[in-house]
Amino acid sequence: MYLTAEKKQEIFAKYGKSNTDTGSSEGQIALFSYRINHLTGHLKANKKDFGTERSLLSLVGKRRRLLDYLKKVDIERYRAIVKALDLRK
């Protein structure tokens, strides 16, 4: 499995407030970005996997909504997470 509990804790510790704070927007955005990168690599190798393609689009939408929320609530946190994850926009 590509996403273990240890990997999740590492992501939340790096981008969230702590490794147990799974509800912060930054931690969720970082987790979605990790999953999106993994699924993108999978789809490059398996072009006809349409179920995975649908779930990838769903994850991209969820991340976009969280980014929009963060931009509306606190622009500095938004800029920090976009820069840390090297996201465009």
N, C-alpha and C. Protein backbone atom coordinates (compact mmCIF):
# COMPACT_ATOMS: atom_id res chain seq x y z
N MET A 1 0.84 -1.18 0.00
CA MET A 1 0.00 0.00 0.00
C MET A 1 0.89 1.24 0.00
N TYR A 2 0.52 2.21 -0.79
CA TYR A 2 1.36 3.38 -0.96
C TYR A 2 1.21 4.39 0.17
N LEU A 3 0.11 4.37 0.89
CA LEU A 3 -0.13 5.36 1.94
C LEU A 3 -0.29 4.65 3.28
N THR A 4 0.77 4.56 4.03
CA THR A 4 0.73 3.90 5.33
C THR A 4 0.40 4.93 6.42
N ALA A 5 0.13 4.43 7.60
CA ALA A 5 -0.17 5.32 8.72
C ALA A 5 1.03 6.19 9.05
N GLU A 6 2.23 5.62 8.92
CA GLU A 6 3.43 6.40 9.21
C GLU A 6 3.60 7.54 8.21
N LYS A 7 3.30 7.26 6.95
CA LYS A 7 3.42 8.30 5.91
C LYS A 7 2.42 9.42 6.16
N LYS A 8 1.19 9.06 6.57
CA LYS A 8 0.18 10.07 6.89
C LYS A 8 0.65 10.94 8.04
N GLN A 9 1.18 10.32 9.10
CA GLN A 9 1.65 11.09 10.24
C GLN A 9 2.79 12.02 9.84
N GLU A 10 3.65 11.54 8.95
CA GLU A 10 4.75 12.37 8.47
C GLU A 10 4.24 13.59 7.70
N ILE A 11 3.25 13.38 6.85
CA ILE A 11 2.66 14.49 6.08
C ILE A 11 2.00 15.50 7.01
N PHE A 12 1.21 14.99 7.98
CA PHE A 12 0.53 15.91 8.90
C PHE A 12 1.52 16.63 9.81
N ALA A 13 2.61 15.96 10.18
CA ALA A 13 3.61 16.62 11.02
C ALA A 13 4.33 17.72 10.24
N LYS A 14 4.57 17.49 8.97
CA LYS A 14 5.30 18.47 8.16
C LYS A 14 4.44 19.67 7.79
N TYR A 15 3.20 19.43 7.39
CA TYR A 15 2.37 20.53 6.88
C TYR A 15 1.27 20.97 7.84
N GLY A 16 0.83 20.11 8.73
CA GLY A 16 -0.21 20.47 9.69
C GLY A 16 0.39 21.09 10.93
N LYS A 17 -0.44 21.21 11.96
CA LYS A 17 0.03 21.79 13.21
C LYS A 17 0.78 20.74 14.04
N SER A 18 0.36 19.48 13.94
CA SER A 18 1.05 18.38 14.61
C SER A 18 0.73 17.10 13.84
N ASN A 19 1.36 15.99 14.22
CA ASN A 19 1.11 14.75 13.47
C ASN A 19 -0.24 14.15 13.79
N THR A 20 -0.92 14.62 14.84
CA THR A 20 -2.26 14.11 15.14
C THR A 20 -3.36 15.06 14.69
N ASP A 21 -3.00 16.24 14.19
CA ASP A 21 -3.98 17.22 13.75
C ASP A 21 -4.35 16.93 12.29
N THR A 22 -5.32 16.04 12.12
CA THR A 22 -5.70 15.63 10.77
C THR A 22 -6.78 16.53 10.18
N GLY A 23 -7.28 17.48 10.95
CA GLY A 23 -8.37 18.31 10.46
C GLY A 23 -7.95 19.64 9.88
N SER A 24 -6.68 20.00 10.02
CA SER A 24 -6.26 21.30 9.51
C SER A 24 -6.30 21.31 7.99
N SER A 25 -6.63 22.44 7.43
CA SER A 25 -6.73 22.56 5.98
C SER A 25 -5.40 22.27 5.31
N GLU A 26 -4.31 22.76 5.90
CA GLU A 26 -3.00 22.54 5.30
C GLU A 26 -2.64 21.06 5.24
N GLY A 27 -2.93 20.34 6.32
CA GLY A 27 -2.65 18.91 6.35
C GLY A 27 -3.47 18.14 5.34
N GLN A 28 -4.74 18.49 5.22
CA GLN A 28 -5.60 17.81 4.25
C GLN A 28 -5.16 18.11 2.82
N ILE A 29 -4.79 19.35 2.55
CA ILE A 29 -4.33 19.72 1.21
C ILE A 29 -3.06 18.97 0.86
N ALA A 30 -2.15 18.85 1.83
CA ALA A 30 -0.90 18.11 1.59
C ALA A 30 -1.18 16.63 1.34
N LEU A 31 -2.11 16.05 2.10
CA LEU A 31 -2.46 14.64 1.90
C LEU A 31 -3.10 14.43 0.53
N PHE A 32 -4.01 15.31 0.16
CA PHE A 32 -4.63 15.21 -1.17
C PHE A 32 -3.58 15.35 -2.27
N SER A 33 -2.62 16.25 -2.08
CA SER A 33 -1.57 16.43 -3.09
C SER A 33 -0.72 15.18 -3.23
N TYR A 34 -0.41 14.53 -2.11
CA TYR A 34 0.36 13.28 -2.16
C TYR A 34 -0.42 12.21 -2.92
N ARG A 35 -1.71 12.09 -2.61
CA ARG A 35 -2.54 11.08 -3.29
C ARG A 35 -2.71 11.40 -4.77
N ILE A 36 -2.85 12.68 -5.11
CA ILE A 36 -2.99 13.10 -6.51
C ILE A 36 -1.73 12.75 -7.29
N ASN A 37 -0.57 13.00 -6.70
CA ASN A 37 0.69 12.67 -7.38
C ASN A 37 0.81 11.17 -7.61
N HIS A 38 0.40 10.38 -6.63
CA HIS A 38 0.46 8.92 -6.78
C HIS A 38 -0.48 8.45 -7.89
N LEU A 39 -1.71 8.95 -7.88
CA LEU A 39 -2.69 8.52 -8.89
C LEU A 39 -2.30 9.00 -10.28
N THR A 40 -1.65 10.14 -10.39
CA THR A 40 -1.20 10.63 -11.68
C THR A 40 -0.16 9.69 -12.27
N GLY A 41 0.76 9.24 -11.43
CA GLY A 41 1.76 8.27 -11.89
C GLY A 41 1.12 6.96 -12.31
N HIS A 42 0.10 6.53 -11.56
CA HIS A 42 -0.60 5.29 -11.89
C HIS A 42 -1.32 5.42 -13.24
N LEU A 43 -1.93 6.58 -13.48
CA LEU A 43 -2.67 6.76 -14.73
C LEU A 43 -1.75 6.90 -15.94
N LYS A 44 -0.52 7.34 -15.73
CA LYS A 44 0.42 7.39 -16.85
C LYS A 44 0.75 5.99 -17.34
N ALA A 45 0.78 5.03 -16.41
CA ALA A 45 1.08 3.65 -16.78
C ALA A 45 -0.17 2.89 -17.22
N ASN A 46 -1.34 3.27 -16.70
CA ASN A 46 -2.60 2.57 -16.98
C ASN A 46 -3.61 3.56 -17.54
N LYS A 47 -3.51 3.82 -18.82
CA LYS A 47 -4.31 4.88 -19.44
C LYS A 47 -5.81 4.58 -19.46
N LYS A 48 -6.20 3.32 -19.42
CA LYS A 48 -7.62 2.97 -19.54
C LYS A 48 -8.29 2.71 -18.20
N ASP A 49 -7.66 3.08 -17.12
CA ASP A 49 -8.22 2.89 -15.78
C ASP A 49 -9.13 4.08 -15.47
N PHE A 50 -10.38 3.98 -15.89
CA PHE A 50 -11.28 5.11 -15.81
C PHE A 50 -11.83 5.33 -14.40
N GLY A 51 -11.89 4.28 -13.59
CA GLY A 51 -12.32 4.43 -12.20
C GLY A 51 -11.32 5.27 -11.42
N THR A 52 -10.05 5.00 -11.64
CA THR A 52 -9.01 5.79 -10.97
C THR A 52 -9.01 7.22 -11.49
N GLU A 53 -9.28 7.39 -12.76
CA GLU A 53 -9.34 8.73 -13.33
C GLU A 53 -10.46 9.55 -12.68
N ARG A 54 -11.58 8.90 -12.44
CA ARG A 54 -12.70 9.58 -11.79
C ARG A 54 -12.35 9.97 -10.35
N SER A 55 -11.70 9.06 -9.64
CA SER A 55 -11.32 9.38 -8.26
C SER A 55 -10.25 10.47 -8.22
N LEU A 56 -9.38 10.50 -9.22
CA LEU A 56 -8.37 11.57 -9.30
C LEU A 56 -9.05 12.92 -9.48
N LEU A 57 -10.02 12.98 -10.36
CA LEU A 57 -10.73 14.25 -10.58
C LEU A 57 -11.48 14.68 -9.32
N SER A 58 -12.02 13.71 -8.58
CA SER A 58 -12.69 14.02 -7.33
C SER A 58 -11.71 14.60 -6.32
N LEU A 59 -10.53 14.02 -6.21
CA LEU A 59 -9.51 14.52 -5.28
C LEU A 59 -9.05 15.93 -5.67
N VAL A 60 -8.89 16.16 -6.96
CA VAL A 60 -8.47 17.49 -7.42
C VAL A 60 -9.53 18.52 -7.04
N GLY A 61 -10.80 18.16 -7.19
CA GLY A 61 -11.88 19.07 -6.81
C GLY A 61 -11.92 19.35 -5.32
N LYS A 62 -11.71 18.31 -4.51
CA LYS A 62 -11.68 18.50 -3.06
C LYS A 62 -10.53 19.42 -2.66
N ARG A 63 -9.36 19.20 -3.25
CA ARG A 63 -8.21 20.04 -2.93
C ARG A 63 -8.48 21.48 -3.36
N ARG A 64 -9.08 21.66 -4.53
CA ARG A 64 -9.39 23.00 -5.02
C ARG A 64 -10.35 23.72 -4.07
N ARG A 65 -11.38 23.00 -3.59
CA ARG A 65 -12.34 23.61 -2.66
C ARG A 65 -11.66 24.01 -1.35
N LEU A 66 -10.77 23.15 -0.84
CA LEU A 66 -10.05 23.49 0.38
C LEU A 66 -9.13 24.69 0.17
N LEU A 67 -8.48 24.75 -0.98
CA LEU A 67 -7.61 25.89 -1.28
C LEU A 67 -8.42 27.18 -1.38
N ASP A 68 -9.60 27.10 -2.01
CA ASP A 68 -10.46 28.29 -2.11
C ASP A 68 -10.90 28.75 -0.73
N TYR A 69 -11.26 27.79 0.13
CA TYR A 69 -11.66 28.11 1.50
C TYR A 69 -10.52 28.80 2.24
N LEU A 70 -9.33 28.21 2.14
CA LEU A 70 -8.18 28.76 2.85
C LEU A 70 -7.83 30.15 2.33
N LYS A 71 -7.99 30.36 1.04
CA LYS A 71 -7.72 31.68 0.44
C LYS A 71 -8.70 32.72 0.97
N LYS A 72 -9.95 32.29 1.15
CA LYS A 72 -10.98 33.21 1.63
C LYS A 72 -10.78 33.52 3.12
N VAL A 73 -10.38 32.55 3.90
CA VAL A 73 -10.27 32.72 5.35
C VAL A 73 -8.95 33.37 5.76
N ASP A 74 -7.83 32.87 5.23
CA ASP A 74 -6.52 33.37 5.65
C ASP A 74 -5.55 33.30 4.47
N ILE A 75 -5.33 34.42 3.81
CA ILE A 75 -4.53 34.46 2.59
C ILE A 75 -3.07 34.08 2.84
N GLU A 76 -2.55 34.40 4.03
CA GLU A 76 -1.15 34.08 4.32
C GLU A 76 -0.93 32.58 4.44
N ARG A 77 -1.84 31.87 5.09
CA ARG A 77 -1.75 30.41 5.18
C ARG A 77 -1.88 29.79 3.80
N TYR A 78 -2.75 30.37 2.97
CA TYR A 78 -2.92 29.88 1.59
C TYR A 78 -1.62 30.02 0.81
N ARG A 79 -1.01 31.20 0.89
CA ARG A 79 0.25 31.42 0.16
C ARG A 79 1.36 30.50 0.66
N ALA A 80 1.38 30.26 1.96
CA ALA A 80 2.42 29.39 2.53
C ALA A 80 2.27 27.95 2.04
N ILE A 81 1.05 27.42 2.01
CA ILE A 81 0.86 26.02 1.60
C ILE A 81 1.07 25.87 0.10
N VAL A 82 0.69 26.87 -0.68
CA VAL A 82 0.91 26.80 -2.13
C VAL A 82 2.41 26.81 -2.43
N LYS A 83 3.14 27.62 -1.69
CA LYS A 83 4.59 27.68 -1.89
C LYS A 83 5.27 26.40 -1.39
N ALA A 84 4.82 25.88 -0.25
CA ALA A 84 5.44 24.68 0.31
C ALA A 84 5.21 23.46 -0.56
N LEU A 85 4.02 23.35 -1.15
CA LEU A 85 3.70 22.19 -1.99
C LEU A 85 4.04 22.42 -3.45
N ASP A 86 4.48 23.63 -3.78
CA ASP A 86 4.84 23.99 -5.14
C ASP A 86 3.65 23.81 -6.09
N LEU A 87 2.50 24.32 -5.66
CA LEU A 87 1.29 24.30 -6.49
C LEU A 87 1.24 25.59 -7.29
N ARG A 88 0.69 25.50 -8.45
CA ARG A 88 0.55 26.72 -9.26
C ARG A 88 -0.72 27.43 -8.88
N LYS A 89 -0.81 28.68 -9.23
CA LYS A 89 -1.93 29.59 -9.10
C LYS A 89 -1.65 30.70 -8.17
